[in-house]
Amino acid sequence: MISRPIQRQLEDSEANRNFAGSTQTGTDGMMVAMVFTFIVNLVMAGALGHMIGWINTLQLIIHLPMLRILIPANVSVFF
């Protein structure tokens, strides 16, 4: 059986310790961002549904002239 010591993958240097510390800081920051996004999503879920409905309605209204659909004058003034 051949045995020899396993070489270290990274040196124990100041740069590597700083990198390891910054990855932990980045992980903590991403966790805070994820929790904030989750909370905002819960609060804004209803409003977002209404906004998407309004966008779909506006999209249909804007495409009416492109499809050359005849609309009454009073509806045209309303739009």
PDB file of N, CA and C in Angstrom:
ATOM      1  N   MET A   1       0.836  -1.154   0.000  1.00  0.00           N
ATOM      2  CA  MET A   1       0.000   0.000   0.000  1.00  0.00           C
ATOM      3  C   MET A   1       0.898   1.239   0.000  1.00  0.00           C
ATOM      4  N   ILE A   2       0.575   2.150  -0.905  1.00  0.00           N
ATOM      5  CA  ILE A   2       1.368   3.362  -1.017  1.00  0.00           C
ATOM      6  C   ILE A   2       0.681   4.452  -0.196  1.00  0.00           C
ATOM      7  N   SER A   3       1.410   5.079   0.640  1.00  0.00           N
ATOM      8  CA  SER A   3       0.827   6.166   1.421  1.00  0.00           C
ATOM      9  C   SER A   3       1.773   7.356   1.370  1.00  0.00           C
ATOM     10  N   ARG A   4       1.172   8.479   1.178  1.00  0.00           N
ATOM     11  CA  ARG A   4       1.922   9.725   1.206  1.00  0.00           C
ATOM     12  C   ARG A   4       0.982  10.824   1.688  1.00  0.00           C
ATOM     13  N   PRO A   5       1.493  11.874   2.199  1.00  0.00           N
ATOM     14  CA  PRO A   5       0.618  12.926   2.727  1.00  0.00           C
ATOM     15  C   PRO A   5      -0.123  13.642   1.589  1.00  0.00           C
ATOM     16  N   ILE A   6      -1.346  14.023   1.881  1.00  0.00           N
ATOM     17  CA  ILE A   6      -2.162  14.766   0.909  1.00  0.00           C
ATOM     18  C   ILE A   6      -1.734  16.221   0.940  1.00  0.00           C
ATOM     19  N   GLN A   7      -1.491  16.756  -0.252  1.00  0.00           N
ATOM     20  CA  GLN A   7      -1.079  18.157  -0.327  1.00  0.00           C
ATOM     21  C   GLN A   7      -2.263  19.059  -0.034  1.00  0.00           C
ATOM     22  N   ARG A   8      -1.993  20.155   0.620  1.00  0.00           N
ATOM     23  CA  ARG A   8      -3.039  21.136   0.889  1.00  0.00           C
ATOM     24  C   ARG A   8      -3.445  21.805  -0.410  1.00  0.00           C
ATOM     25  N   GLN A   9      -4.747  22.043  -0.568  1.00  0.00           N
ATOM     26  CA  GLN A   9      -5.241  22.673  -1.782  1.00  0.00           C
ATOM     27  C   GLN A   9      -4.981  24.185  -1.780  1.00  0.00           C
ATOM     28  N   LEU A  10      -5.130  24.798  -0.643  1.00  0.00           N
ATOM     29  CA  LEU A  10      -4.889  26.234  -0.521  1.00  0.00           C
ATOM     30  C   LEU A  10      -3.911  26.491   0.615  1.00  0.00           C
ATOM     31  N   GLU A  11      -3.071  27.444   0.397  1.00  0.00           N
ATOM     32  CA  GLU A  11      -2.152  27.838   1.463  1.00  0.00           C
ATOM     33  C   GLU A  11      -2.924  28.571   2.551  1.00  0.00           C
ATOM     34  N   ASP A  12      -2.392  28.506   3.754  1.00  0.00           N
ATOM     35  CA  ASP A  12      -2.997  29.268   4.843  1.00  0.00           C
ATOM     36  C   ASP A  12      -2.373  30.659   4.838  1.00  0.00           C
ATOM     37  N   SER A  13      -2.839  31.489   3.905  1.00  0.00           N
ATOM     38  CA  SER A  13      -2.286  32.834   3.777  1.00  0.00           C
ATOM     39  C   SER A  13      -3.359  33.866   4.135  1.00  0.00           C
ATOM     40  N   GLU A  14      -2.929  35.089   4.256  1.00  0.00           N
ATOM     41  CA  GLU A  14      -3.843  36.183   4.593  1.00  0.00           C
ATOM     42  C   GLU A  14      -4.904  36.361   3.511  1.00  0.00           C
ATOM     43  N   ALA A  15      -4.495  36.243   2.248  1.00  0.00           N
ATOM     44  CA  ALA A  15      -5.441  36.410   1.142  1.00  0.00           C
ATOM     45  C   ALA A  15      -6.530  35.343   1.188  1.00  0.00           C
ATOM     46  N   ASN A  16      -6.157  34.097   1.465  1.00  0.00           N
ATOM     47  CA  ASN A  16      -7.149  33.029   1.533  1.00  0.00           C
ATOM     48  C   ASN A  16      -8.083  33.198   2.725  1.00  0.00           C
ATOM     49  N   ARG A  17      -7.565  33.655   3.847  1.00  0.00           N
ATOM     50  CA  ARG A  17      -8.422  33.909   5.004  1.00  0.00           C
ATOM     51  C   ARG A  17      -9.393  35.052   4.718  1.00  0.00           C
ATOM     52  N   ASN A  18      -8.920  36.096   4.027  1.00  0.00           N
ATOM     53  CA  ASN A  18      -9.808  37.201   3.650  1.00  0.00           C
ATOM     54  C   ASN A  18     -10.889  36.724   2.687  1.00  0.00           C
ATOM     55  N   PHE A  19     -10.509  35.870   1.754  1.00  0.00           N
ATOM     56  CA  PHE A  19     -11.478  35.344   0.798  1.00  0.00           C
ATOM     57  C   PHE A  19     -12.542  34.518   1.514  1.00  0.00           C
ATOM     58  N   ALA A  20     -12.139  33.675   2.441  1.00  0.00           N
ATOM     59  CA  ALA A  20     -13.093  32.862   3.196  1.00  0.00           C
ATOM     60  C   ALA A  20     -14.030  33.753   4.018  1.00  0.00           C
ATOM     61  N   GLY A  21     -13.500  34.797   4.595  1.00  0.00           N
ATOM     62  CA  GLY A  21     -14.338  35.735   5.353  1.00  0.00           C
ATOM     63  C   GLY A  21     -15.308  36.485   4.470  1.00  0.00           C
ATOM     64  N   SER A  22     -14.874  36.865   3.278  1.00  0.00           N
ATOM     65  CA  SER A  22     -15.759  37.598   2.373  1.00  0.00           C
ATOM     66  C   SER A  22     -16.860  36.694   1.827  1.00  0.00           C
ATOM     67  N   THR A  23     -16.584  35.408   1.642  1.00  0.00           N
ATOM     68  CA  THR A  23     -17.642  34.515   1.179  1.00  0.00           C
ATOM     69  C   THR A  23     -18.718  34.369   2.253  1.00  0.00           C
ATOM     70  N   GLN A  24     -18.326  34.358   3.509  1.00  0.00           N
ATOM     71  CA  GLN A  24     -19.325  34.290   4.586  1.00  0.00           C
ATOM     72  C   GLN A  24     -20.149  35.567   4.609  1.00  0.00           C
ATOM     73  N   THR A  25     -19.506  36.715   4.418  1.00  0.00           N
ATOM     74  CA  THR A  25     -20.225  37.981   4.371  1.00  0.00           C
ATOM     75  C   THR A  25     -21.187  38.006   3.191  1.00  0.00           C
ATOM     76  N   GLY A  26     -20.744  37.512   2.052  1.00  0.00           N
ATOM     77  CA  GLY A  26     -21.609  37.441   0.875  1.00  0.00           C
ATOM     78  C   GLY A  26     -22.799  36.521   1.095  1.00  0.00           C
ATOM     79  N   THR A  27     -22.560  35.405   1.764  1.00  0.00           N
ATOM     80  CA  THR A  27     -23.642  34.474   2.066  1.00  0.00           C
ATOM     81  C   THR A  27     -24.675  35.120   2.985  1.00  0.00           C
ATOM     82  N   ASP A  28     -24.209  35.839   3.984  1.00  0.00           N
ATOM     83  CA  ASP A  28     -25.124  36.536   4.894  1.00  0.00           C
ATOM     84  C   ASP A  28     -25.924  37.610   4.148  1.00  0.00           C
ATOM     85  N   GLY A  29     -25.265  38.345   3.272  1.00  0.00           N
ATOM     86  CA  GLY A  29     -25.950  39.371   2.486  1.00  0.00           C
ATOM     87  C   GLY A  29     -27.003  38.783   1.567  1.00  0.00           C
ATOM     88  N   MET A  30     -26.698  37.672   0.948  1.00  0.00           N
ATOM     89  CA  MET A  30     -27.671  37.019   0.064  1.00  0.00           C
ATOM     90  C   MET A  30     -28.866  36.502   0.860  1.00  0.00           C
ATOM     91  N   MET A  31     -28.637  36.030   2.061  1.00  0.00           N
ATOM     92  CA  MET A  31     -29.736  35.547   2.909  1.00  0.00           C
ATOM     93  C   MET A  31     -30.654  36.700   3.288  1.00  0.00           C
ATOM     94  N   VAL A  32     -30.071  37.842   3.642  1.00  0.00           N
ATOM     95  CA  VAL A  32     -30.877  39.022   3.972  1.00  0.00           C
ATOM     96  C   VAL A  32     -31.679  39.465   2.751  1.00  0.00           C
ATOM     97  N   ALA A  33     -31.064  39.482   1.574  1.00  0.00           N
ATOM     98  CA  ALA A  33     -31.759  39.873   0.349  1.00  0.00           C
ATOM     99  C   ALA A  33     -32.897  38.916   0.038  1.00  0.00           C
ATOM    100  N   MET A  34     -32.688  37.628   0.246  1.00  0.00           N
ATOM    101  CA  MET A  34     -33.727  36.640  -0.032  1.00  0.00           C
ATOM    102  C   MET A  34     -34.914  36.809   0.916  1.00  0.00           C
ATOM    103  N   VAL A  35     -34.645  37.032   2.197  1.00  0.00           N
ATOM    104  CA  VAL A  35     -35.729  37.239   3.156  1.00  0.00           C
ATOM    105  C   VAL A  35     -36.491  38.519   2.837  1.00  0.00           C
ATOM    106  N   PHE A  36     -35.773  39.599   2.493  1.00  0.00           N
ATOM    107  CA  PHE A  36     -36.420  40.864   2.125  1.00  0.00           C
ATOM    108  C   PHE A  36     -37.304  40.680   0.892  1.00  0.00           C
ATOM    109  N   THR A  37     -36.801  39.974  -0.120  1.00  0.00           N
ATOM    110  CA  THR A  37     -37.576  39.735  -1.331  1.00  0.00           C
ATOM    111  C   THR A  37     -38.814  38.903  -1.031  1.00  0.00           C
ATOM    112  N   PHE A  38     -38.683  37.908  -0.167  1.00  0.00           N
ATOM    113  CA  PHE A  38     -39.818  37.083   0.206  1.00  0.00           C
ATOM    114  C   PHE A  38     -40.902  37.902   0.899  1.00  0.00           C
ATOM    115  N   ILE A  39     -40.497  38.773   1.819  1.00  0.00           N
ATOM    116  CA  ILE A  39     -41.463  39.608   2.540  1.00  0.00           C
ATOM    117  C   ILE A  39     -42.147  40.583   1.585  1.00  0.00           C
ATOM    118  N   VAL A  40     -41.380  41.215   0.715  1.00  0.00           N
ATOM    119  CA  VAL A  40     -41.960  42.152  -0.257  1.00  0.00           C
ATOM    120  C   VAL A  40     -42.911  41.412  -1.187  1.00  0.00           C
ATOM    121  N   ASN A  41     -42.567  40.190  -1.577  1.00  0.00           N
ATOM    122  CA  ASN A  41     -43.428  39.400  -2.443  1.00  0.00           C
ATOM    123  C   ASN A  41     -44.756  39.100  -1.755  1.00  0.00           C
ATOM    124  N   LEU A  42     -44.726  38.770  -0.467  1.00  0.00           N
ATOM    125  CA  LEU A  42     -45.970  38.515   0.262  1.00  0.00           C
ATOM    126  C   LEU A  42     -46.841  39.759   0.341  1.00  0.00           C
ATOM    127  N   VAL A  43     -46.206  40.900   0.580  1.00  0.00           N
ATOM    128  CA  VAL A  43     -46.959  42.150   0.731  1.00  0.00           C
ATOM    129  C   VAL A  43     -47.526  42.608  -0.606  1.00  0.00           C
ATOM    130  N   MET A  44     -46.753  42.479  -1.661  1.00  0.00           N
ATOM    131  CA  MET A  44     -47.140  43.031  -2.958  1.00  0.00           C
ATOM    132  C   MET A  44     -47.824  42.038  -3.886  1.00  0.00           C
ATOM    133  N   ALA A  45     -48.124  40.834  -3.445  1.00  0.00           N
ATOM    134  CA  ALA A  45     -48.678  39.815  -4.340  1.00  0.00           C
ATOM    135  C   ALA A  45     -50.000  40.266  -4.952  1.00  0.00           C
ATOM    136  N   GLY A  46     -50.883  40.847  -4.161  1.00  0.00           N
ATOM    137  CA  GLY A  46     -52.167  41.298  -4.683  1.00  0.00           C
ATOM    138  C   GLY A  46     -52.014  42.455  -5.653  1.00  0.00           C
ATOM    139  N   ALA A  47     -51.183  43.416  -5.306  1.00  0.00           N
ATOM    140  CA  ALA A  47     -50.977  44.577  -6.165  1.00  0.00           C
ATOM    141  C   ALA A  47     -50.335  44.174  -7.486  1.00  0.00           C
ATOM    142  N   LEU A  48     -49.436  43.212  -7.443  1.00  0.00           N
ATOM    143  CA  LEU A  48     -48.778  42.772  -8.669  1.00  0.00           C
ATOM    144  C   LEU A  48     -49.780  42.110  -9.604  1.00  0.00           C
ATOM    145  N   GLY A  49     -50.704  41.338  -9.068  1.00  0.00           N
ATOM    146  CA  GLY A  49     -51.734  40.716  -9.894  1.00  0.00           C
ATOM    147  C   GLY A  49     -52.590  41.756 -10.593  1.00  0.00           C
ATOM    148  N   HIS A  50     -52.978  42.814  -9.869  1.00  0.00           N
ATOM    149  CA  HIS A  50     -53.764  43.893 -10.477  1.00  0.00           C
ATOM    150  C   HIS A  50     -52.956  44.614 -11.547  1.00  0.00           C
ATOM    151  N   MET A  51     -51.691  44.884 -11.270  1.00  0.00           N
ATOM    152  CA  MET A  51     -50.863  45.592 -12.240  1.00  0.00           C
ATOM    153  C   MET A  51     -50.702  44.786 -13.528  1.00  0.00           C
ATOM    154  N   ILE A  52     -50.510  43.478 -13.408  1.00  0.00           N
ATOM    155  CA  ILE A  52     -50.381  42.646 -14.604  1.00  0.00           C
ATOM    156  C   ILE A  52     -51.694  42.636 -15.378  1.00  0.00           C
ATOM    157  N   GLY A  53     -52.819  42.633 -14.680  1.00  0.00           N
ATOM    158  CA  GLY A  53     -54.120  42.729 -15.357  1.00  0.00           C
ATOM    159  C   GLY A  53     -54.262  44.038 -16.113  1.00  0.00           C
ATOM    160  N   TRP A  54     -53.820  45.142 -15.507  1.00  0.00           N
ATOM    161  CA  TRP A  54     -53.874  46.436 -16.193  1.00  0.00           C
ATOM    162  C   TRP A  54     -52.973  46.447 -17.419  1.00  0.00           C
ATOM    163  N   ILE A  55     -51.811  45.860 -17.300  1.00  0.00           N
ATOM    164  CA  ILE A  55     -50.894  45.815 -18.441  1.00  0.00           C
ATOM    165  C   ILE A  55     -51.500  45.009 -19.581  1.00  0.00           C
ATOM    166  N   ASN A  56     -52.125  43.889 -19.263  1.00  0.00           N
ATOM    167  CA  ASN A  56     -52.763  43.086 -20.311  1.00  0.00           C
ATOM    168  C   ASN A  56     -53.886  43.854 -20.990  1.00  0.00           C
ATOM    169  N   THR A  57     -54.684  44.594 -20.212  1.00  0.00           N
ATOM    170  CA  THR A  57     -55.765  45.391 -20.784  1.00  0.00           C
ATOM    171  C   THR A  57     -55.214  46.487 -21.689  1.00  0.00           C
ATOM    172  N   LEU A  58     -54.181  47.181 -21.226  1.00  0.00           N
ATOM    173  CA  LEU A  58     -53.575  48.221 -22.065  1.00  0.00           C
ATOM    174  C   LEU A  58     -52.986  47.639 -23.340  1.00  0.00           C
ATOM    175  N   GLN A  59     -52.433  46.461 -23.244  1.00  0.00           N
ATOM    176  CA  GLN A  59     -51.863  45.819 -24.422  1.00  0.00           C
ATOM    177  C   GLN A  59     -52.951  45.545 -25.456  1.00  0.00           C
ATOM    178  N   LEU A  60     -54.096  45.072 -25.014  1.00  0.00           N
ATOM    179  CA  LEU A  60     -55.203  44.822 -25.942  1.00  0.00           C
ATOM    180  C   LEU A  60     -55.694  46.121 -26.569  1.00  0.00           C
ATOM    181  N   ILE A  61     -55.832  47.178 -25.765  1.00  0.00           N
ATOM    182  CA  ILE A  61     -56.313  48.457 -26.282  1.00  0.00           C
ATOM    183  C   ILE A  61     -55.324  49.035 -27.285  1.00  0.00           C
ATOM    184  N   ILE A  62     -54.035  48.932 -27.009  1.00  0.00           N
ATOM    185  CA  ILE A  62     -53.019  49.493 -27.901  1.00  0.00           C
ATOM    186  C   ILE A  62     -52.966  48.736 -29.223  1.00  0.00           C
ATOM    187  N   HIS A  63     -53.258  47.441 -29.203  1.00  0.00           N
ATOM    188  CA  HIS A  63     -53.199  46.659 -30.436  1.00  0.00           C
ATOM    189  C   HIS A  63     -54.442  46.796 -31.312  1.00  0.00           C
ATOM    190  N   LEU A  64     -55.518  47.394 -30.809  1.00  0.00           N
ATOM    191  CA  LEU A  64     -56.733  47.548 -31.609  1.00  0.00           C
ATOM    192  C   LEU A  64     -56.489  48.296 -32.926  1.00  0.00           C
ATOM    193  N   PRO A  65     -55.818  49.449 -32.936  1.00  0.00           N
ATOM    194  CA  PRO A  65     -55.596  50.130 -34.221  1.00  0.00           C
ATOM    195  C   PRO A  65     -54.715  49.321 -35.180  1.00  0.00           C
ATOM    196  N   MET A  66     -53.796  48.542 -34.643  1.00  0.00           N
ATOM    197  CA  MET A  66     -52.930  47.741 -35.516  1.00  0.00           C
ATOM    198  C   MET A  66     -53.718  46.638 -36.208  1.00  0.00           C
ATOM    199  N   LEU A  67     -54.769  46.163 -35.583  1.00  0.00           N
ATOM    200  CA  LEU A  67     -55.601  45.117 -36.176  1.00  0.00           C
ATOM    201  C   LEU A  67     -56.709  45.686 -37.044  1.00  0.00           C
ATOM    202  N   ARG A  68     -56.755  47.003 -37.175  1.00  0.00           N
ATOM    203  CA  ARG A  68     -57.737  47.731 -37.982  1.00  0.00           C
ATOM    204  C   ARG A  68     -59.166  47.381 -37.600  1.00  0.00           C
ATOM    205  N   ILE A  69     -59.419  47.359 -36.323  1.00  0.00           N
ATOM    206  CA  ILE A  69     -60.759  47.115 -35.821  1.00  0.00           C
ATOM    207  C   ILE A  69     -61.474  48.453 -35.740  1.00  0.00           C
ATOM    208  N   LEU A  70     -62.688  48.508 -36.287  1.00  0.00           N
ATOM    209  CA  LEU A  70     -63.467  49.736 -36.258  1.00  0.00           C
ATOM    210  C   LEU A  70     -64.059  49.914 -34.869  1.00  0.00           C
ATOM    211  N   ILE A  71     -63.804  51.078 -34.300  1.00  0.00           N
ATOM    212  CA  ILE A  71     -64.352  51.389 -32.987  1.00  0.00           C
ATOM    213  C   ILE A  71     -65.121  52.695 -33.085  1.00  0.00           C
ATOM    214  N   PRO A  72     -66.193  52.839 -32.311  1.00  0.00           N
ATOM    215  CA  PRO A  72     -66.961  54.081 -32.349  1.00  0.00           C
ATOM    216  C   PRO A  72     -66.139  55.292 -31.899  1.00  0.00           C
ATOM    217  N   ALA A  73     -66.575  56.467 -32.327  1.00  0.00           N
ATOM    218  CA  ALA A  73     -65.830  57.689 -32.028  1.00  0.00           C
ATOM    219  C   ALA A  73     -65.739  57.964 -30.535  1.00  0.00           C
ATOM    220  N   ASN A  74     -66.852  57.718 -29.802  1.00  0.00           N
ATOM    221  CA  ASN A  74     -66.808  58.008 -28.365  1.00  0.00           C
ATOM    222  C   ASN A  74     -65.843  57.078 -27.632  1.00  0.00           C
ATOM    223  N   VAL A  75     -65.692  55.836 -28.093  1.00  0.00           N
ATOM    224  CA  VAL A  75     -64.732  54.922 -27.498  1.00  0.00           C
ATOM    225  C   VAL A  75     -63.318  55.367 -27.839  1.00  0.00           C
ATOM    226  N   SER A  76     -63.121  55.857 -29.061  1.00  0.00           N
ATOM    227  CA  SER A  76     -61.809  56.358 -29.468  1.00  0.00           C
ATOM    228  C   SER A  76     -61.390  57.549 -28.610  1.00  0.00           C
ATOM    229  N   VAL A  77     -62.341  58.453 -28.331  1.00  0.00           N
ATOM    230  CA  VAL A  77     -62.041  59.607 -27.467  1.00  0.00           C
ATOM    231  C   VAL A  77     -61.727  59.144 -26.055  1.00  0.00           C
ATOM    232  N   PHE A  78     -62.449  58.127 -25.589  1.00  0.00           N
ATOM    233  CA  PHE A  78     -62.196  57.605 -24.243  1.00  0.00           C
ATOM    234  C   PHE A  78     -60.804  57.019 -24.130  1.00  0.00           C
ATOM    235  N   PHE A  79     -60.378  56.281 -25.148  1.00  0.00           N
ATOM    236  CA  PHE A  79     -59.023  55.679 -25.127  1.00  0.00           C
ATOM    237  C   PHE A  79     -57.981  56.763 -25.204  1.00  0.00           C
TER     238      PHE A  79
END
